[in-house]
C-alpha atoms as a PDB file:
ATOM      1  CA  MET A   1       0.421  -0.092   0.053  1.00  0.00           C
ATOM      2  CA  ALA A   2       1.392   2.990  -0.939  1.00  0.00           C
ATOM      3  CA  LEU A   3       0.914   6.220   1.495  1.00  0.00           C
ATOM      4  CA  LYS A   4       0.131   9.460  -0.194  1.00  0.00           C
ATOM      5  CA  LYS A   5       0.527  12.893   2.011  1.00  0.00           C
ATOM      6  CA  HIS A   6      -1.632  15.623   1.598  1.00  0.00           C
ATOM      7  CA  SER A   7      -1.551  19.368   2.521  1.00  0.00           C
ATOM      8  CA  LEU A   8      -4.933  20.080   3.993  1.00  0.00           C
ATOM      9  CA  ASP A   9      -6.310  23.450   5.893  1.00  0.00           C
ATOM     10  CA  ILE A  10      -8.046  22.724   9.420  1.00  0.00           C
ATOM     11  CA  ALA A  11      -9.056  25.149  10.677  1.00  0.00           C
ATOM     12  CA  GLY A  12      -7.044  28.285   9.146  1.00  0.00           C
ATOM     13  CA  HIS A  13      -3.693  26.257  10.231  1.00  0.00           C
ATOM     14  CA  GLN A  14      -1.221  24.404   7.211  1.00  0.00           C
ATOM     15  CA  THR A  15      -0.798  20.716   8.096  1.00  0.00           C
ATOM     16  CA  SER A  16      -0.085  17.707   6.426  1.00  0.00           C
ATOM     17  CA  VAL A  17      -1.669  14.345   6.956  1.00  0.00           C
ATOM     18  CA  THR A  18       0.170  10.985   5.288  1.00  0.00           C
ATOM     19  CA  LEU A  19      -2.897   7.681   4.980  1.00  0.00           C
ATOM     20  CA  GLU A  20      -2.501   4.806   2.069  1.00  0.00           C
ATOM     21  CA  ASP A  21      -4.077   5.704  -1.254  1.00  0.00           C
ATOM     22  CA  GLU A  22      -7.474   3.096   0.164  1.00  0.00           C
ATOM     23  CA  PHE A  23      -8.449   5.700   2.797  1.00  0.00           C
ATOM     24  CA  TRP A  24      -7.736   8.821   1.196  1.00  0.00           C
ATOM     25  CA  ASN A  25     -10.626   7.424  -1.427  1.00  0.00           C
ATOM     26  CA  ALA A  26     -12.590   6.293   1.405  1.00  0.00           C
ATOM     27  CA  LEU A  27     -12.755   9.292   3.527  1.00  0.00           C
ATOM     28  CA  ARG A  28     -13.416  11.441  -0.099  1.00  0.00           C
ATOM     29  CA  GLN A  29     -16.655   9.173  -0.140  1.00  0.00           C
ATOM     30  CA  ILE A  30     -17.569  10.175   2.964  1.00  0.00           C
ATOM     31  CA  ALA A  31     -17.185  13.894   2.833  1.00  0.00           C
ATOM     32  CA  LYS A  32     -19.073  13.781  -0.572  1.00  0.00           C
ATOM     33  CA  SER A  33     -21.888  11.005   1.111  1.00  0.00           C
ATOM     34  CA  GLN A  34     -22.310  13.947   3.907  1.00  0.00           C
ATOM     35  CA  GLY A  35     -22.156  16.652   1.258  1.00  0.00           C
ATOM     36  CA  ARG A  36     -18.746  18.434   3.331  1.00  0.00           C
ATOM     37  CA  ALA A  37     -15.123  19.613   2.329  1.00  0.00           C
ATOM     38  CA  LEU A  38     -13.244  17.636   2.619  1.00  0.00           C
ATOM     39  CA  ASN A  39     -10.884  20.251   4.940  1.00  0.00           C
ATOM     40  CA  ASP A  40     -14.680  20.607   6.824  1.00  0.00           C
ATOM     41  CA  LEU A  41     -14.458  16.584   7.496  1.00  0.00           C
ATOM     42  CA  VAL A  42     -10.723  16.493   8.545  1.00  0.00           C
ATOM     43  CA  ALA A  43     -11.325  19.183  11.213  1.00  0.00           C
ATOM     44  CA  GLN A  44     -13.929  17.621  12.973  1.00  0.00           C
ATOM     45  CA  ILE A  45     -12.335  14.742  13.098  1.00  0.00           C
ATOM     46  CA  ASP A  46      -8.959  16.461  14.807  1.00  0.00           C
ATOM     47  CA  GLU A  47     -11.705  18.264  17.366  1.00  0.00           C
ATOM     48  CA  ALA A  48     -12.160  15.233  18.491  1.00  0.00           C
ATOM     49  CA  ARG A  49      -9.384  13.024  18.018  1.00  0.00           C
ATOM     50  CA  ASP A  50      -6.486  12.232  21.340  1.00  0.00           C
ATOM     51  CA  GLY A  51      -3.676  11.336  19.526  1.00  0.00           C
ATOM     52  CA  ASN A  52      -2.299  11.047  16.143  1.00  0.00           C
ATOM     53  CA  LEU A  53      -4.331  12.619  13.071  1.00  0.00           C
ATOM     54  CA  SER A  54      -3.709  10.340  10.117  1.00  0.00           C
ATOM     55  CA  SER A  55      -4.972   7.456  12.884  1.00  0.00           C
ATOM     56  CA  ALA A  56      -7.557   9.054  14.045  1.00  0.00           C
ATOM     57  CA  ILE A  57      -9.052   9.270  10.537  1.00  0.00           C
ATOM     58  CA  ARG A  58      -8.353   5.768   9.752  1.00  0.00           C
ATOM     59  CA  VAL A  59     -10.259   5.130  12.513  1.00  0.00           C
ATOM     60  CA  TYR A  60     -12.982   7.121  11.507  1.00  0.00           C
ATOM     61  CA  VAL A  61     -12.706   5.640   8.107  1.00  0.00           C
ATOM     62  CA  LEU A  62     -13.093   2.339   9.476  1.00  0.00           C
ATOM     63  CA  LYS A  63     -16.467   3.409  11.846  1.00  0.00           C
ATOM     64  CA  THR A  64     -18.040   5.005   9.556  1.00  0.00           C
ATOM     65  CA  VAL A  65     -17.447   2.582   7.063  1.00  0.00           C
ATOM     66  CA  LEU A  66     -18.900  -0.604   9.255  1.00  0.00           C
ATOM     67  CA  GLY A  67     -21.784   1.878  10.681  1.00  0.00           C
ATOM     68  CA  GLN A  68     -20.153   3.619  14.119  1.00  0.00           C
ATOM     69  CA  GLN A  69     -20.322   6.627  13.749  1.00  0.00           C
END
């Protein structure tokens, strides 16, 4: 699995997040299905996280796919 780094604007701050392509694709699909911008969805995940942002995104995607979100 290839890791891809993307720059995002989260609440007015630039940050880079590294995720596997599969997670980027799933995250984009989730944002689209919710009618939200990707940056807005990541900002929500960022606000709720306790640890690493990349890990928090992976967990969010997994929970959403499993219907636990």
